[in-house]
N, C-alpha and C. Protein backbone atom coordinates (compact mmCIF):
# COMPACT_ATOMS: atom_id res chain seq x y z
N MET A 1 -1.88 17.08 -70.48
CA MET A 1 -0.68 17.79 -70.68
C MET A 1 0.32 16.79 -71.41
N ARG A 2 0.74 16.99 -72.55
CA ARG A 2 1.78 16.13 -73.14
C ARG A 2 3.33 16.34 -72.72
N ARG A 3 4.05 15.32 -72.32
CA ARG A 3 5.43 15.40 -72.07
C ARG A 3 6.20 14.91 -73.12
N GLU A 4 7.43 15.50 -73.32
CA GLU A 4 8.39 14.90 -74.22
C GLU A 4 8.79 13.58 -73.68
N HIS A 5 9.07 12.75 -74.75
CA HIS A 5 9.54 11.44 -74.26
C HIS A 5 10.70 11.42 -73.43
N ASP A 6 10.50 10.72 -72.40
CA ASP A 6 11.51 10.77 -71.28
C ASP A 6 11.56 9.12 -70.77
N PRO A 7 12.57 8.31 -70.73
CA PRO A 7 12.50 7.17 -70.22
C PRO A 7 12.03 6.93 -68.94
N GLU A 8 12.19 7.90 -68.04
CA GLU A 8 11.76 7.93 -66.76
C GLU A 8 10.25 8.22 -66.48
N ILE A 9 9.61 8.75 -67.50
CA ILE A 9 8.13 9.05 -67.52
C ILE A 9 7.44 7.98 -68.31
N PRO A 10 6.58 7.34 -67.88
CA PRO A 10 5.78 6.23 -68.48
C PRO A 10 5.15 6.80 -69.81
N SER A 11 5.00 6.02 -70.85
CA SER A 11 4.39 6.34 -72.05
C SER A 11 2.90 6.55 -72.07
N GLU A 12 2.03 7.23 -72.60
CA GLU A 12 0.59 6.98 -72.38
C GLU A 12 0.21 5.71 -72.41
N ALA A 13 0.48 4.89 -73.23
CA ALA A 13 0.11 3.35 -73.31
C ALA A 13 0.42 2.77 -71.95
N ALA A 14 1.65 3.04 -71.39
CA ALA A 14 1.91 2.24 -70.11
C ALA A 14 1.07 2.95 -68.97
N GLY A 15 0.86 4.33 -69.22
CA GLY A 15 0.03 4.97 -68.24
C GLY A 15 -1.40 4.40 -68.12
N ARG A 16 -1.98 4.08 -69.32
CA ARG A 16 -3.10 3.51 -69.41
C ARG A 16 -3.22 1.96 -68.91
N GLN A 17 -1.98 1.28 -69.08
CA GLN A 17 -2.04 -0.15 -68.52
C GLN A 17 -2.07 0.08 -66.88
N MET A 18 -1.35 1.00 -66.36
CA MET A 18 -1.34 1.11 -64.82
C MET A 18 -2.52 1.57 -64.37
N VAL A 19 -3.35 2.20 -65.19
CA VAL A 19 -4.71 2.39 -64.68
C VAL A 19 -5.44 1.31 -64.54
N GLU A 20 -5.41 0.59 -65.70
CA GLU A 20 -6.17 -0.76 -65.82
C GLU A 20 -5.84 -1.58 -64.65
N ALA A 21 -4.56 -1.71 -64.30
CA ALA A 21 -3.99 -2.64 -63.30
C ALA A 21 -4.47 -2.08 -61.92
N VAL A 22 -4.23 -0.74 -61.67
CA VAL A 22 -4.94 -0.20 -60.46
C VAL A 22 -6.36 -0.36 -60.32
N GLU A 23 -7.24 -0.19 -61.27
CA GLU A 23 -8.59 -0.59 -61.24
C GLU A 23 -8.92 -2.15 -60.94
N ASN A 24 -8.03 -3.09 -61.42
CA ASN A 24 -8.17 -4.39 -60.97
C ASN A 24 -7.66 -4.47 -59.47
N LEU A 25 -6.79 -3.90 -59.13
CA LEU A 25 -6.41 -4.14 -57.69
C LEU A 25 -7.56 -3.49 -56.84
N VAL A 26 -8.10 -2.27 -57.06
CA VAL A 26 -9.28 -1.60 -56.41
C VAL A 26 -10.37 -2.77 -56.45
N THR A 27 -10.72 -3.37 -57.44
CA THR A 27 -11.68 -4.33 -57.58
C THR A 27 -11.64 -5.40 -56.57
N LEU A 28 -10.32 -5.79 -56.52
CA LEU A 28 -9.87 -6.93 -55.63
C LEU A 28 -10.12 -6.45 -53.91
N TRP A 29 -9.66 -5.16 -53.78
CA TRP A 29 -9.87 -4.62 -52.59
C TRP A 29 -11.29 -4.49 -52.02
N PHE A 30 -12.21 -4.08 -53.00
CA PHE A 30 -13.51 -3.93 -52.69
C PHE A 30 -14.17 -5.33 -52.39
N SER A 31 -13.86 -6.41 -53.25
CA SER A 31 -14.25 -7.67 -53.15
C SER A 31 -13.84 -8.34 -51.67
N ALA A 32 -12.72 -7.87 -51.38
CA ALA A 32 -12.23 -8.24 -49.99
C ALA A 32 -12.87 -7.61 -48.94
N VAL A 33 -13.20 -6.38 -49.05
CA VAL A 33 -14.25 -5.64 -48.02
C VAL A 33 -15.52 -6.11 -48.03
N GLU A 34 -16.21 -6.52 -49.07
CA GLU A 34 -17.48 -6.77 -49.20
C GLU A 34 -17.64 -8.16 -48.64
N ASP A 35 -16.68 -9.08 -48.57
CA ASP A 35 -16.85 -10.33 -47.93
C ASP A 35 -16.47 -10.60 -46.53
N VAL A 36 -16.21 -9.46 -45.78
CA VAL A 36 -16.23 -9.45 -44.41
C VAL A 36 -17.31 -8.90 -43.60
N ARG A 37 -17.60 -9.50 -42.55
CA ARG A 37 -18.63 -8.90 -41.74
C ARG A 37 -18.07 -8.31 -40.40
N PRO A 38 -18.61 -7.18 -40.03
CA PRO A 38 -19.79 -6.40 -40.70
C PRO A 38 -19.39 -5.85 -41.94
N ARG A 39 -20.27 -5.83 -42.76
CA ARG A 39 -20.10 -5.08 -44.03
C ARG A 39 -20.01 -3.47 -43.88
N LEU A 40 -18.82 -3.04 -44.18
CA LEU A 40 -18.83 -1.42 -44.01
C LEU A 40 -18.35 -0.83 -45.19
N PRO A 41 -18.71 0.43 -45.32
CA PRO A 41 -18.25 1.25 -46.49
C PRO A 41 -16.82 1.53 -46.47
N PRO A 42 -16.37 1.53 -47.68
CA PRO A 42 -14.97 1.69 -47.97
C PRO A 42 -14.16 2.88 -47.03
N ARG A 43 -15.04 3.90 -46.96
CA ARG A 43 -14.27 4.98 -46.15
C ARG A 43 -14.29 4.58 -44.68
N GLN A 44 -15.21 3.84 -44.17
CA GLN A 44 -14.98 3.35 -42.68
C GLN A 44 -13.82 2.44 -42.66
N VAL A 45 -13.54 1.54 -43.46
CA VAL A 45 -12.38 0.69 -43.41
C VAL A 45 -11.06 1.46 -43.62
N ARG A 46 -11.27 2.54 -44.51
CA ARG A 46 -9.95 3.36 -44.53
C ARG A 46 -9.77 4.09 -43.25
N ALA A 47 -10.78 4.57 -42.53
CA ALA A 47 -10.78 5.12 -41.17
C ALA A 47 -10.00 4.25 -40.30
N LEU A 48 -10.58 3.12 -40.06
CA LEU A 48 -10.07 2.11 -39.15
C LEU A 48 -8.68 1.79 -39.38
N ARG A 49 -8.25 1.54 -40.83
CA ARG A 49 -6.75 1.56 -41.10
C ARG A 49 -6.11 2.72 -40.66
N ALA A 50 -6.41 3.79 -40.87
CA ALA A 50 -5.95 5.08 -40.38
C ALA A 50 -5.46 5.01 -38.95
N VAL A 51 -6.66 4.77 -38.14
CA VAL A 51 -6.49 4.82 -36.80
C VAL A 51 -5.50 3.90 -36.27
N ARG A 52 -5.51 2.51 -36.78
CA ARG A 52 -4.57 1.59 -36.52
C ARG A 52 -3.14 1.96 -36.81
N ARG A 53 -2.86 2.69 -37.96
CA ARG A 53 -1.49 2.99 -38.18
C ARG A 53 -1.07 4.24 -37.27
N GLN A 54 -1.99 5.07 -36.94
CA GLN A 54 -1.70 6.32 -36.34
C GLN A 54 -2.48 6.36 -35.01
N PRO A 55 -2.11 5.70 -33.89
CA PRO A 55 -2.91 5.66 -32.61
C PRO A 55 -3.28 6.87 -31.93
N THR A 56 -2.51 7.95 -32.37
CA THR A 56 -2.68 9.19 -31.71
C THR A 56 -3.73 10.07 -32.44
N LEU A 57 -4.44 9.66 -33.40
CA LEU A 57 -5.38 10.26 -33.90
C LEU A 57 -6.71 10.76 -33.07
N ASN A 58 -7.24 11.91 -33.34
CA ASN A 58 -8.38 12.16 -32.97
C ASN A 58 -9.18 12.59 -33.99
N VAL A 59 -10.69 12.74 -33.60
CA VAL A 59 -11.62 12.86 -34.91
C VAL A 59 -11.08 14.06 -35.77
N THR A 60 -10.56 15.04 -35.31
CA THR A 60 -10.20 16.11 -36.13
C THR A 60 -9.13 15.77 -37.25
N ALA A 61 -8.07 15.12 -36.67
CA ALA A 61 -6.90 14.75 -37.43
C ALA A 61 -7.32 13.44 -38.43
N LEU A 62 -8.21 12.73 -38.07
CA LEU A 62 -8.79 11.74 -39.14
C LEU A 62 -9.57 12.42 -40.01
N ALA A 63 -10.23 13.47 -39.82
CA ALA A 63 -11.15 14.18 -40.78
C ALA A 63 -10.18 14.79 -41.87
N GLU A 64 -8.89 15.33 -41.22
CA GLU A 64 -7.79 15.82 -42.16
C GLU A 64 -7.18 14.76 -42.96
N HIS A 65 -7.03 13.80 -42.36
CA HIS A 65 -6.39 12.47 -42.90
C HIS A 65 -7.13 11.92 -44.17
N LEU A 66 -8.42 11.84 -44.00
CA LEU A 66 -9.37 11.20 -44.92
C LEU A 66 -9.86 12.39 -45.84
N ARG A 67 -9.64 13.68 -45.64
CA ARG A 67 -10.02 14.85 -46.29
C ARG A 67 -11.59 14.82 -46.48
N ILE A 68 -12.28 14.77 -45.27
CA ILE A 68 -13.56 14.81 -45.24
C ILE A 68 -13.90 15.99 -44.01
N GLY A 69 -15.11 16.27 -44.02
CA GLY A 69 -15.42 17.34 -43.03
C GLY A 69 -15.55 16.75 -41.60
N LEU A 70 -15.29 17.52 -40.66
CA LEU A 70 -15.49 17.22 -39.13
C LEU A 70 -16.68 16.42 -38.88
N PRO A 71 -18.00 17.04 -39.26
CA PRO A 71 -19.08 16.38 -38.93
C PRO A 71 -19.27 15.08 -39.55
N THR A 72 -18.76 15.00 -40.91
CA THR A 72 -18.62 13.66 -41.35
C THR A 72 -17.93 12.53 -40.42
N ALA A 73 -16.70 13.05 -40.23
CA ALA A 73 -15.77 12.23 -39.53
C ALA A 73 -16.43 11.82 -38.00
N SER A 74 -17.00 12.62 -37.61
CA SER A 74 -17.63 12.41 -36.25
C SER A 74 -18.67 11.38 -36.45
N ARG A 75 -19.58 11.52 -37.37
CA ARG A 75 -20.59 10.42 -37.69
C ARG A 75 -20.06 9.02 -38.00
N LEU A 76 -18.84 9.26 -38.73
CA LEU A 76 -18.17 7.87 -39.30
C LEU A 76 -17.76 7.21 -37.87
N CYS A 77 -17.01 8.00 -36.97
CA CYS A 77 -16.53 7.34 -35.78
C CYS A 77 -17.74 6.81 -34.79
N ASP A 78 -18.98 7.66 -34.94
CA ASP A 78 -20.12 7.18 -34.16
C ASP A 78 -20.46 5.69 -34.70
N ARG A 79 -20.58 5.67 -35.94
CA ARG A 79 -21.01 4.31 -36.73
C ARG A 79 -19.76 3.10 -36.42
N LEU A 80 -18.65 3.51 -36.38
CA LEU A 80 -17.65 2.52 -35.79
C LEU A 80 -17.53 2.04 -34.57
N GLU A 81 -17.97 3.08 -33.72
CA GLU A 81 -17.98 2.79 -32.24
C GLU A 81 -19.33 2.07 -31.96
N ALA A 82 -20.29 2.30 -32.63
CA ALA A 82 -21.71 1.43 -32.31
C ALA A 82 -21.44 0.15 -32.81
N ALA A 83 -20.57 -0.01 -33.87
CA ALA A 83 -20.36 -1.59 -34.29
C ALA A 83 -19.26 -2.25 -33.53
N GLY A 84 -18.80 -1.55 -32.61
CA GLY A 84 -17.70 -2.16 -31.55
C GLY A 84 -16.30 -2.31 -32.17
N LEU A 85 -16.23 -1.35 -33.24
CA LEU A 85 -14.83 -1.56 -33.89
C LEU A 85 -13.91 -0.36 -33.60
N LEU A 86 -14.33 0.55 -32.86
CA LEU A 86 -13.67 1.63 -32.52
C LEU A 86 -14.06 2.25 -31.06
N LEU A 87 -12.99 2.89 -30.55
CA LEU A 87 -13.50 3.50 -29.24
C LEU A 87 -12.72 4.83 -29.17
N ARG A 88 -13.40 5.69 -28.41
CA ARG A 88 -13.02 7.07 -28.07
C ARG A 88 -12.44 7.11 -26.59
N ARG A 89 -11.36 7.58 -26.56
CA ARG A 89 -10.52 7.65 -25.25
C ARG A 89 -10.15 8.92 -24.95
N VAL A 90 -10.67 9.43 -23.74
CA VAL A 90 -10.31 10.52 -23.09
C VAL A 90 -8.98 10.39 -22.38
N GLN A 91 -8.18 11.40 -22.78
CA GLN A 91 -6.57 11.31 -22.20
C GLN A 91 -6.72 11.94 -20.90
N HIS A 92 -6.06 11.12 -20.00
CA HIS A 92 -5.90 11.55 -18.67
C HIS A 92 -5.08 13.07 -18.48
N SER A 93 -4.25 13.25 -19.37
CA SER A 93 -3.42 14.39 -19.11
C SER A 93 -4.24 15.57 -19.73
N ASP A 94 -5.05 15.49 -20.47
CA ASP A 94 -5.94 16.63 -20.94
C ASP A 94 -7.24 16.13 -21.40
N ARG A 95 -8.20 16.12 -20.51
CA ARG A 95 -9.40 15.60 -20.53
C ARG A 95 -10.34 16.18 -21.90
N ARG A 96 -9.89 17.16 -22.48
CA ARG A 96 -10.55 17.52 -23.71
C ARG A 96 -9.99 16.97 -24.74
N GLU A 97 -8.99 16.27 -24.76
CA GLU A 97 -8.22 15.38 -25.95
C GLU A 97 -9.07 14.03 -25.90
N VAL A 98 -9.60 13.73 -26.91
CA VAL A 98 -10.12 12.51 -27.04
C VAL A 98 -9.54 11.65 -28.33
N ARG A 99 -8.71 10.60 -27.96
CA ARG A 99 -8.02 9.80 -29.10
C ARG A 99 -8.76 8.60 -29.49
N LEU A 100 -8.64 8.28 -30.71
CA LEU A 100 -9.45 7.18 -31.25
C LEU A 100 -8.57 5.90 -31.02
N GLU A 101 -9.19 4.66 -30.99
CA GLU A 101 -8.45 3.46 -30.64
C GLU A 101 -9.24 2.20 -31.48
N VAL A 102 -8.64 1.39 -32.12
CA VAL A 102 -9.26 0.31 -32.91
C VAL A 102 -9.38 -0.65 -31.60
N THR A 103 -10.80 -1.36 -31.47
CA THR A 103 -10.89 -2.28 -30.73
C THR A 103 -10.22 -3.67 -31.10
N ALA A 104 -10.26 -4.60 -30.26
CA ALA A 104 -9.96 -6.02 -30.57
C ALA A 104 -10.80 -6.62 -31.88
N GLN A 105 -11.93 -6.35 -31.61
CA GLN A 105 -13.04 -6.65 -32.87
C GLN A 105 -12.57 -5.96 -34.13
N GLY A 106 -12.23 -4.56 -33.93
CA GLY A 106 -11.80 -3.99 -35.07
C GLY A 106 -10.53 -4.59 -35.78
N GLN A 107 -9.62 -4.83 -34.66
CA GLN A 107 -8.35 -5.39 -35.31
C GLN A 107 -8.70 -6.81 -35.99
N ARG A 108 -9.75 -7.59 -35.56
CA ARG A 108 -9.90 -8.91 -36.28
C ARG A 108 -10.46 -8.59 -37.56
N PHE A 109 -11.35 -7.61 -37.67
CA PHE A 109 -11.90 -7.10 -38.88
C PHE A 109 -10.97 -6.82 -39.78
N LEU A 110 -9.96 -5.95 -39.64
CA LEU A 110 -8.99 -5.36 -40.30
C LEU A 110 -8.07 -6.54 -41.00
N ALA A 111 -7.69 -7.69 -39.85
CA ALA A 111 -7.02 -8.86 -40.08
C ALA A 111 -7.87 -9.68 -41.18
N ASP A 112 -9.00 -9.77 -41.01
CA ASP A 112 -9.73 -10.51 -42.09
C ASP A 112 -9.76 -10.01 -43.42
N VAL A 113 -10.06 -8.68 -43.36
CA VAL A 113 -9.71 -8.03 -44.69
C VAL A 113 -8.40 -8.18 -45.40
N THR A 114 -7.36 -7.97 -44.53
CA THR A 114 -6.14 -8.08 -45.17
C THR A 114 -5.99 -9.58 -45.41
N GLU A 115 -6.38 -10.42 -44.82
CA GLU A 115 -6.24 -12.06 -45.16
C GLU A 115 -7.00 -12.30 -46.53
N ARG A 116 -8.29 -11.75 -46.57
CA ARG A 116 -9.07 -12.00 -48.04
C ARG A 116 -8.43 -11.35 -49.11
N LEU A 117 -7.64 -10.08 -48.95
CA LEU A 117 -7.21 -9.46 -49.92
C LEU A 117 -5.98 -10.23 -50.31
N SER A 118 -5.18 -10.63 -49.41
CA SER A 118 -3.87 -11.47 -49.59
C SER A 118 -4.25 -12.76 -50.51
N LEU A 119 -5.30 -13.32 -50.33
CA LEU A 119 -5.63 -14.45 -50.77
C LEU A 119 -6.07 -14.14 -52.39
N ASN A 120 -7.00 -13.02 -52.45
CA ASN A 120 -7.38 -12.48 -53.97
C ASN A 120 -6.15 -12.34 -54.77
N LEU A 121 -5.20 -11.47 -54.10
CA LEU A 121 -4.02 -11.23 -54.88
C LEU A 121 -3.20 -12.37 -55.21
N ALA A 122 -2.95 -13.26 -54.34
CA ALA A 122 -2.27 -14.37 -54.56
C ALA A 122 -2.83 -15.15 -55.65
N ALA A 123 -4.17 -15.31 -55.73
CA ALA A 123 -4.90 -16.09 -56.76
C ALA A 123 -4.82 -15.36 -58.15
N ALA A 124 -4.74 -13.95 -58.16
CA ALA A 124 -4.66 -13.13 -59.36
C ALA A 124 -3.26 -13.16 -59.92
N PHE A 125 -2.20 -13.33 -59.02
CA PHE A 125 -0.84 -13.58 -59.43
C PHE A 125 -0.31 -14.85 -59.82
N ASP A 126 -1.08 -15.89 -59.59
CA ASP A 126 -0.69 -17.19 -59.70
C ASP A 126 -0.33 -17.50 -61.00
N GLY A 127 -0.73 -16.86 -61.98
CA GLY A 127 -0.31 -17.15 -63.42
C GLY A 127 0.88 -16.42 -63.95
N VAL A 128 1.27 -15.53 -63.14
CA VAL A 128 2.36 -14.46 -63.55
C VAL A 128 3.72 -15.15 -63.34
N PRO A 129 4.48 -15.29 -64.40
CA PRO A 129 5.83 -15.83 -64.24
C PRO A 129 6.55 -15.38 -62.99
N PRO A 130 7.53 -16.19 -62.39
CA PRO A 130 8.29 -15.97 -61.16
C PRO A 130 9.03 -14.57 -61.42
N ALA A 131 9.77 -14.28 -62.40
CA ALA A 131 10.43 -13.13 -62.78
C ALA A 131 9.74 -11.97 -62.80
N GLN A 132 8.61 -11.82 -63.33
CA GLN A 132 7.81 -10.76 -63.55
C GLN A 132 7.12 -10.49 -62.13
N ARG A 133 7.05 -11.55 -61.33
CA ARG A 133 6.29 -11.24 -59.86
C ARG A 133 7.36 -10.61 -58.94
N THR A 134 8.57 -11.18 -59.32
CA THR A 134 9.60 -10.53 -58.39
C THR A 134 9.88 -8.97 -58.78
N ARG A 135 9.68 -8.64 -59.97
CA ARG A 135 9.79 -7.20 -60.43
C ARG A 135 8.64 -6.54 -59.99
N LEU A 136 7.40 -7.17 -59.91
CA LEU A 136 6.17 -6.48 -59.38
C LEU A 136 6.19 -6.15 -57.92
N GLU A 137 6.97 -7.19 -57.25
CA GLU A 137 7.27 -6.78 -55.71
C GLU A 137 7.92 -5.73 -55.65
N GLN A 138 9.07 -5.88 -56.53
CA GLN A 138 10.06 -4.66 -56.28
C GLN A 138 9.33 -3.18 -56.52
N VAL A 139 8.43 -3.14 -57.48
CA VAL A 139 7.79 -1.87 -57.71
C VAL A 139 6.95 -1.60 -56.62
N LEU A 140 6.03 -2.70 -56.13
CA LEU A 140 5.25 -2.22 -55.22
C LEU A 140 6.02 -1.89 -53.83
N ARG A 141 7.07 -2.48 -53.58
CA ARG A 141 7.83 -1.99 -52.31
C ARG A 141 8.20 -0.54 -52.50
N ALA A 142 8.72 -0.25 -53.74
CA ALA A 142 9.18 1.23 -54.01
C ALA A 142 7.95 2.05 -53.75
N PHE A 143 6.75 1.74 -54.32
CA PHE A 143 5.61 2.52 -54.13
C PHE A 143 5.30 2.62 -52.82
N HIS A 144 5.29 1.67 -52.09
CA HIS A 144 5.05 1.69 -50.57
C HIS A 144 5.92 2.53 -49.86
N ALA A 145 7.22 2.51 -50.19
CA ALA A 145 8.18 3.17 -49.52
C ALA A 145 8.13 4.83 -49.80
N GLY A 146 7.33 5.29 -50.91
CA GLY A 146 7.23 6.55 -51.09
C GLY A 146 7.86 6.96 -52.47
N GLY A 147 8.59 5.88 -53.20
CA GLY A 147 9.09 6.41 -54.38
C GLY A 147 8.31 6.76 -55.54
N LEU A 148 6.98 6.47 -55.27
CA LEU A 148 6.08 6.91 -56.39
C LEU A 148 4.86 7.54 -55.97
N ARG A 149 4.99 8.22 -54.67
CA ARG A 149 3.87 8.77 -54.08
C ARG A 149 3.53 10.25 -54.29
N ALA A 150 4.36 10.91 -54.94
CA ALA A 150 4.23 12.40 -54.99
C ALA A 150 3.14 12.51 -56.30
N ASP A 151 2.25 13.37 -56.10
CA ASP A 151 1.31 13.72 -57.22
C ASP A 151 1.89 14.59 -58.08
N PRO A 152 2.14 14.38 -59.43
CA PRO A 152 2.87 15.26 -60.21
C PRO A 152 1.98 16.66 -60.74
N ASP A 153 0.66 16.57 -60.40
CA ASP A 153 0.03 17.72 -60.61
C ASP A 153 -0.11 18.70 -59.71
N THR A 154 -0.06 18.35 -58.45
CA THR A 154 -0.09 19.21 -57.20
C THR A 154 1.16 19.21 -56.46
N GLY A 155 2.03 18.18 -56.58
CA GLY A 155 3.26 18.28 -55.85
C GLY A 155 3.08 17.77 -54.31
N THR A 156 1.76 17.36 -54.27
CA THR A 156 1.46 16.70 -52.64
C THR A 156 1.57 15.26 -52.62
N ASP A 157 1.85 14.88 -51.50
CA ASP A 157 1.82 13.46 -51.28
C ASP A 157 0.62 12.70 -51.67
N ALA A 158 0.73 11.78 -52.43
CA ALA A 158 -0.46 11.00 -52.88
C ALA A 158 -0.57 9.73 -52.23
N GLY A 159 -0.04 9.39 -51.04
CA GLY A 159 0.18 7.97 -50.37
C GLY A 159 -1.11 7.46 -50.16
N THR A 160 -0.90 6.48 -49.47
CA THR A 160 -2.03 5.49 -48.95
C THR A 160 -2.99 6.07 -48.15
N ASP A 161 -4.27 6.17 -48.57
CA ASP A 161 -5.38 6.69 -47.80
C ASP A 161 -5.20 8.32 -47.80
N ALA A 162 -4.50 8.95 -48.72
CA ALA A 162 -4.26 10.42 -48.66
C ALA A 162 -5.50 11.24 -49.16
N GLY A 163 -6.12 10.68 -50.14
CA GLY A 163 -7.21 11.34 -50.78
C GLY A 163 -8.54 10.99 -50.46
N PRO A 164 -9.50 11.72 -50.91
CA PRO A 164 -10.85 11.38 -50.94
C PRO A 164 -11.04 10.30 -51.88
N GLU A 165 -12.13 9.31 -51.66
CA GLU A 165 -12.42 8.29 -52.52
C GLU A 165 -13.14 8.92 -53.88
N PRO A 166 -13.02 8.11 -54.79
CA PRO A 166 -13.64 8.68 -56.03
C PRO A 166 -15.12 8.78 -55.86
N GLY A 167 -15.72 10.03 -56.12
CA GLY A 167 -17.08 10.26 -56.04
C GLY A 167 -17.50 10.69 -54.51
N ALA A 168 -16.51 10.69 -53.73
CA ALA A 168 -16.85 11.04 -52.31
C ALA A 168 -17.44 12.37 -51.99
N ASP A 169 -18.36 12.42 -51.37
CA ASP A 169 -18.73 13.95 -50.77
C ASP A 169 -18.19 14.29 -49.39
N THR A 170 -18.04 15.35 -49.12
CA THR A 170 -17.26 15.68 -47.89
C THR A 170 -18.47 16.03 -46.75
N GLY A 171 -19.71 15.92 -47.30
CA GLY A 171 -20.64 16.48 -46.36
C GLY A 171 -21.32 15.45 -45.74
N SER A 172 -21.45 14.24 -46.14
CA SER A 172 -22.29 13.21 -45.41
C SER A 172 -21.64 11.94 -45.62
N GLU A 173 -21.71 10.83 -44.67
CA GLU A 173 -21.23 9.60 -44.77
C GLU A 173 -22.35 8.76 -45.45
N ARG A 174 -21.94 7.81 -46.25
CA ARG A 174 -22.70 6.93 -47.20
C ARG A 174 -23.41 5.83 -46.03
């Protein structure tokens, strides 16, 4: 869909540049994830990050958050639990309620991914002039705060870890 020229809406050329920049950032993220042991598929890393951010998640809520089927989420949790990165905790107040918790080993894993990604990003931005780096930091803060999170096609929140991965199926874990 073509839009009339509006200074608030990026031009098609700017949109293409943003796509290329995002693709480069995704490549840096995948590189950081691949360098950490145990080696996990991106969906499992996203699941750990989601549980760390929302410690009240259960498997059903995690499935909804990742937009995957409940059986897929359950198998994903099985794998993370077997790797020692995730625990399922039965709640004392309601024994039917099982909450997910990132283990100390899982916390270390996520810290390692974050550290490697930070180093990759720092190296990538070393050649960027300080004024442009400052502007980039401002844009990234606005994006993180939600200023750029709405999906213009659906009107839904397109925030961090909100949607399925490109090419992800919802029936089975890779």
